């Protein structure tokens, strides 16, 4: 996993923040094809009346949709809402009518003032974020560059917790239980390279522990069960997906954690 940023390619999109966001996301998929990335960008705009506003652009299906940043921040400060009411309020944040409610993770991105925010999920960052000694381990691996968000039952509670952590000028990332890693910067390249560097550091730490796989681990790996699980996740996602077995130290540690047991078979 190495930076593949190309200044010449990026220059073609530097005058368009949304194009730059799309470039950085596509580049991350090439740099780390096994990891998922949900990347957003905040762009100044104005409504039909000429009123200035800030829009948070999130990927949804095959396009980016703009959400009112100020309204998202207000929702993130409310008491937890019922699921249907939260979906309605998120839909009302759209700059245009939406046929699908935006993901609740938008609240976390809105809680971070930086222009670019990357949300990545790897076995290493999940294992670290959900570790019983997460704060100590994060300090050992990242120093003061990465904070640990407390466990929260709802995204609104998580948004509040993340907002409370923002303010440390050295902070470059936040580990969120059951979610993974949030990295952020006002520049696309720095955000992209921080995401790679912090994921690499987390992965290197767990691999250095050399947690051995047992014969029971290998024996319990049933191809038919994996195929059935892949079908369930594909149906849930609405598209065909590929299942890849990850036997890394961080994956084994996370799969044995209480957090993993609470996620269920399929998680959003």
Protein backbone atom coordinates (compact mmCIF):
# COMPACT_ATOMS: atom_id res chain seq x y z
CA UNK A 1 0.00 0.00 0.00
CA UNK A 2 1.89 3.05 -1.29
CA UNK A 3 0.96 6.51 -2.48
CA UNK A 4 0.35 6.64 -6.22
CA UNK A 5 -0.47 10.35 -6.30
CA UNK A 6 0.45 11.92 -9.62
CA UNK A 7 0.65 15.71 -9.68
CA UNK A 8 0.04 15.87 -13.42
CA UNK A 9 -3.13 13.79 -13.19
CA UNK A 10 -4.30 15.72 -10.13
CA UNK A 11 -3.67 19.03 -11.91
CA UNK A 12 -6.46 18.17 -14.36
CA UNK A 13 -8.91 18.22 -11.45
CA UNK A 14 -7.41 20.81 -9.08
CA UNK A 15 -9.85 23.53 -10.16
CA UNK A 16 -12.79 21.27 -9.35
CA UNK A 17 -12.91 19.99 -5.76
CA UNK A 18 -15.45 17.30 -6.62
CA UNK A 19 -13.26 15.96 -9.42
CA UNK A 20 -10.28 16.01 -7.06
CA UNK A 21 -12.33 14.06 -4.50
CA UNK A 22 -13.22 11.46 -7.13
CA UNK A 23 -9.57 11.23 -8.25
CA UNK A 24 -8.31 10.64 -4.70
CA UNK A 25 -10.96 7.97 -4.05
CA UNK A 26 -10.21 6.13 -7.29
CA UNK A 27 -6.49 6.30 -6.53
CA UNK A 28 -7.01 4.80 -3.09
CA UNK A 29 -8.88 1.88 -4.67
CA UNK A 30 -5.77 1.22 -6.78
CA UNK A 31 -3.37 1.70 -3.87
CA UNK A 32 -5.36 -0.51 -1.48
CA UNK A 33 -7.86 -2.64 -3.47
CA UNK A 34 -8.71 -4.77 -0.43
CA UNK A 35 -9.90 -1.77 1.62
CA UNK A 36 -13.15 0.15 1.32
CA UNK A 37 -13.15 3.95 1.32
CA UNK A 38 -15.98 6.40 1.84
CA UNK A 39 -14.55 9.79 0.95
CA UNK A 40 -16.29 13.17 1.21
CA UNK A 41 -15.55 16.81 0.43
CA UNK A 42 -17.05 20.10 1.61
CA UNK A 43 -17.61 22.74 -1.09
CA UNK A 44 -18.92 26.31 -0.74
CA UNK A 45 -22.10 26.94 -2.73
CA UNK A 46 -25.23 29.09 -2.73
CA UNK A 47 -28.92 28.39 -3.09
CA UNK A 48 -31.39 29.75 -5.65
CA UNK A 49 -31.81 32.89 -3.54
CA UNK A 50 -28.07 33.57 -3.56
CA UNK A 51 -27.58 32.62 0.09
CA UNK A 52 -24.14 31.18 0.80
CA UNK A 53 -23.99 27.67 2.17
CA UNK A 54 -21.54 24.80 2.56
CA UNK A 55 -22.35 21.43 0.99
CA UNK A 56 -20.95 18.08 2.06
CA UNK A 57 -20.66 15.88 -1.02
CA UNK A 58 -20.91 12.15 -0.36
CA UNK A 59 -20.75 9.21 -2.80
CA UNK A 60 -24.11 7.54 -3.33
CA UNK A 61 -24.53 4.88 -5.97
CA UNK A 62 -22.67 6.16 -9.05
CA UNK A 63 -22.62 9.88 -8.23
CA UNK A 64 -21.92 12.46 -5.56
CA UNK A 65 -24.82 14.16 -3.82
CA UNK A 66 -24.64 17.44 -1.92
CA UNK A 67 -25.94 17.73 1.65
CA UNK A 68 -26.39 20.91 3.64
CA UNK A 69 -23.45 20.97 6.07
CA UNK A 70 -25.11 23.31 8.59
CA UNK A 71 -28.24 21.15 8.80
CA UNK A 72 -26.14 17.98 9.23
CA UNK A 73 -24.27 19.60 12.09
CA UNK A 74 -27.54 20.53 13.79
CA UNK A 75 -28.85 16.97 13.43
CA UNK A 76 -25.60 15.72 14.92
CA UNK A 77 -26.26 17.73 18.08
CA UNK A 78 -29.79 16.39 18.64
CA UNK A 79 -30.81 13.63 21.00
CA UNK A 80 -30.84 10.27 19.19
CA UNK A 81 -33.73 9.99 16.74
CA UNK A 82 -35.79 6.95 15.71
CA UNK A 83 -34.39 5.35 12.56
CA UNK A 84 -37.22 6.49 10.25
CA UNK A 85 -37.13 10.06 11.56
CA UNK A 86 -33.35 10.20 11.17
CA UNK A 87 -33.61 8.96 7.56
CA UNK A 88 -36.21 11.65 6.85
CA UNK A 89 -34.10 14.41 8.36
CA UNK A 90 -31.02 13.27 6.43
CA UNK A 91 -33.03 13.26 3.19
CA UNK A 92 -34.10 16.85 3.88
CA UNK A 93 -30.42 17.83 3.90
CA UNK A 94 -30.14 17.19 0.15
CA UNK A 95 -29.58 20.13 -2.19
CA UNK A 96 -32.19 18.44 -4.38
CA UNK A 97 -34.86 15.78 -3.74
CA UNK A 98 -33.30 12.39 -3.01
CA UNK A 99 -34.74 8.98 -3.86
CA UNK A 100 -32.65 7.35 -1.14
CA UNK A 101 -31.76 8.63 2.33
CA UNK A 102 -28.05 9.48 2.73
CA UNK A 103 -25.96 7.22 4.94
CA UNK A 104 -25.95 8.09 8.64
CA UNK A 105 -22.14 8.19 8.43
CA UNK A 106 -22.60 11.62 6.82
CA UNK A 107 -23.09 12.96 10.35
CA UNK A 108 -19.57 11.90 11.31
CA UNK A 109 -18.04 13.60 8.29
CA UNK A 110 -20.02 16.77 9.00
CA UNK A 111 -18.66 16.81 12.57
CA UNK A 112 -15.13 17.24 11.18
CA UNK A 113 -14.41 20.74 9.82
CA UNK A 114 -11.65 19.68 7.39
CA UNK A 115 -12.52 19.91 3.69
CA UNK A 116 -11.59 16.31 2.84
CA UNK A 117 -12.52 13.34 5.05
CA UNK A 118 -11.67 9.69 4.35
CA UNK A 119 -13.48 6.85 6.09
CA UNK A 120 -11.56 3.61 5.66
CA UNK A 121 -12.24 0.19 7.11
CA UNK A 122 -9.53 -2.44 7.48
CA UNK A 123 -9.14 -5.38 9.81
CA UNK A 124 -6.22 -3.59 11.51
CA UNK A 125 -8.07 -0.34 12.24
CA UNK A 126 -11.18 -2.23 13.37
CA UNK A 127 -9.12 -4.44 15.68
CA UNK A 128 -7.41 -1.38 17.12
CA UNK A 129 -10.56 0.75 17.50
CA UNK A 130 -12.35 -2.10 19.31
CA UNK A 131 -9.40 -3.21 21.45
CA UNK A 132 -9.89 -3.10 25.22
CA UNK A 133 -6.59 -1.22 25.47
CA UNK A 134 -7.17 0.94 22.40
CA UNK A 135 -5.95 4.22 23.89
CA UNK A 136 -2.61 2.79 24.99
CA UNK A 137 -2.03 0.98 21.71
CA UNK A 138 -2.99 4.01 19.62
CA UNK A 139 -0.56 6.17 21.58
CA UNK A 140 2.17 3.57 21.00
CA UNK A 141 1.51 3.37 17.25
CA UNK A 142 0.53 6.93 16.35
CA UNK A 143 1.52 9.14 19.27
CA UNK A 144 -0.89 12.08 19.49
CA UNK A 145 -1.78 11.94 15.77
CA UNK A 146 -4.80 9.65 16.25
CA UNK A 147 -7.56 9.76 18.87
CA UNK A 148 -9.99 7.03 19.94
CA UNK A 149 -13.69 7.86 19.87
CA UNK A 150 -15.67 6.27 22.71
CA UNK A 151 -18.16 3.54 21.88
CA UNK A 152 -21.58 4.93 21.03
CA UNK A 153 -24.87 3.21 20.25
CA UNK A 154 -25.97 5.71 17.59
CA UNK A 155 -24.30 7.78 14.87
CA UNK A 156 -25.63 10.96 16.48
CA UNK A 157 -23.83 10.07 19.70
CA UNK A 158 -20.71 9.24 17.70
CA UNK A 159 -20.91 12.57 15.89
CA UNK A 160 -21.00 14.38 19.23
CA UNK A 161 -18.01 12.39 20.48
CA UNK A 162 -16.01 13.13 17.33
CA UNK A 163 -16.83 16.84 17.50
CA UNK A 164 -15.54 16.89 21.08
CA UNK A 165 -12.21 15.41 19.95
CA UNK A 166 -11.60 17.98 17.22
CA UNK A 167 -9.39 20.83 18.34
CA UNK A 168 -6.02 19.16 18.83
CA UNK A 169 -3.84 20.69 16.06
CA UNK A 170 -1.78 17.48 15.87
CA UNK A 171 -4.83 15.29 15.24
CA UNK A 172 -4.82 13.57 11.85
CA UNK A 173 -7.22 10.70 12.43
CA UNK A 174 -9.89 9.26 14.70
CA UNK A 175 -10.49 5.56 15.30
CA UNK A 176 -14.20 4.81 15.71
CA UNK A 177 -15.38 1.50 17.23
CA UNK A 178 -17.23 -0.79 14.74
CA UNK A 179 -16.45 1.71 11.96
CA UNK A 180 -12.71 2.00 11.39
CA UNK A 181 -10.57 5.06 10.72
CA UNK A 182 -11.46 8.66 9.86
CA UNK A 183 -8.64 10.76 8.42
CA UNK A 184 -8.96 14.39 7.38
CA UNK A 185 -7.14 17.35 5.88
CA UNK A 186 -7.96 20.46 3.90
CA UNK A 187 -5.89 19.17 0.97
CA UNK A 188 -6.83 16.08 -1.05
CA UNK A 189 -3.32 14.69 -1.42
CA UNK A 190 -2.47 15.01 2.27
CA UNK A 191 -5.75 13.34 3.26
CA UNK A 192 -5.16 10.48 0.81
CA UNK A 193 -1.57 9.91 1.97
CA UNK A 194 -2.54 10.13 5.65
CA UNK A 195 -5.16 7.43 5.09
CA UNK A 196 -2.54 5.15 3.56
CA UNK A 197 0.14 5.90 6.17
CA UNK A 198 -2.12 5.40 9.20
CA UNK A 199 -3.60 2.17 7.83
CA UNK A 200 -0.09 0.90 7.12
CA UNK A 201 1.04 1.73 10.65
CA UNK A 202 -1.91 -0.11 12.21
CA UNK A 203 -1.40 -3.15 9.99
CA UNK A 204 2.36 -3.26 10.64
CA UNK A 205 1.76 -3.21 14.39
CA UNK A 206 -0.52 -6.23 14.39
CA UNK A 207 1.58 -8.18 11.91
CA UNK A 208 4.61 -7.63 14.15
CA UNK A 209 2.78 -9.52 16.89
CA UNK A 210 2.81 -12.64 14.71
CA UNK A 211 -0.40 -14.15 16.10
CA UNK A 212 -0.21 -17.72 14.72
CA UNK A 213 -3.05 -19.35 12.86
CA UNK A 214 -4.03 -22.69 14.35
CA UNK A 215 -4.94 -25.95 12.63
CA UNK A 216 -8.48 -25.38 13.93
CA UNK A 217 -8.59 -22.07 12.02
CA UNK A 218 -7.75 -23.84 8.76
CA UNK A 219 -10.12 -26.72 9.43
CA UNK A 220 -13.03 -24.36 10.14
CA UNK A 221 -12.67 -22.62 6.77
CA UNK A 222 -15.50 -24.21 4.75
CA UNK A 223 -15.74 -23.04 1.09
CA UNK A 224 -19.51 -23.61 0.95
CA UNK A 225 -20.11 -21.47 4.05
CA UNK A 226 -18.03 -18.67 2.55
CA UNK A 227 -19.99 -18.92 -0.70
CA UNK A 228 -23.30 -18.72 1.17
CA UNK A 229 -22.07 -15.73 3.16
CA UNK A 230 -20.94 -14.01 -0.03
CA UNK A 231 -24.42 -14.50 -1.49
CA UNK A 232 -26.07 -12.99 1.60
CA UNK A 233 -23.79 -9.92 1.54
CA UNK A 234 -24.22 -9.53 -2.23
CA UNK A 235 -28.01 -9.62 -1.91
CA UNK A 236 -27.83 -7.10 0.92
CA UNK A 237 -25.63 -4.78 -1.17
CA UNK A 238 -27.69 -5.14 -4.34
CA UNK A 239 -24.66 -6.18 -6.39
CA UNK A 240 -22.35 -9.14 -6.79
CA UNK A 241 -19.35 -9.01 -4.45
CA UNK A 242 -16.16 -11.04 -4.13
CA UNK A 243 -15.29 -12.72 -0.83
CA UNK A 244 -11.61 -12.65 0.14
CA UNK A 245 -10.32 -14.62 3.11
CA UNK A 246 -8.16 -12.50 5.41
CA UNK A 247 -6.11 -14.52 7.85
CA UNK A 248 -3.98 -11.62 9.06
CA UNK A 249 -3.17 -11.14 12.72
CA UNK A 250 -5.43 -8.11 12.97
CA UNK A 251 -8.34 -9.97 11.35
CA UNK A 252 -8.06 -12.88 13.77
CA UNK A 253 -7.84 -10.52 16.72
CA UNK A 254 -10.88 -8.52 15.62
CA UNK A 255 -12.97 -11.59 14.74
CA UNK A 256 -12.43 -12.90 18.29
CA UNK A 257 -13.48 -9.61 19.90
CA UNK A 258 -16.82 -8.87 21.59
CA UNK A 259 -17.40 -6.06 19.08
CA UNK A 260 -17.23 -8.46 16.14
CA UNK A 261 -19.67 -10.83 17.81
CA UNK A 262 -22.15 -7.97 18.22
CA UNK A 263 -22.06 -6.95 14.54
CA UNK A 264 -23.97 -9.92 13.18
CA UNK A 265 -23.49 -11.56 9.79
CA UNK A 266 -24.04 -8.45 7.68
CA UNK A 267 -23.20 -4.90 8.76
CA UNK A 268 -23.55 -1.50 7.10
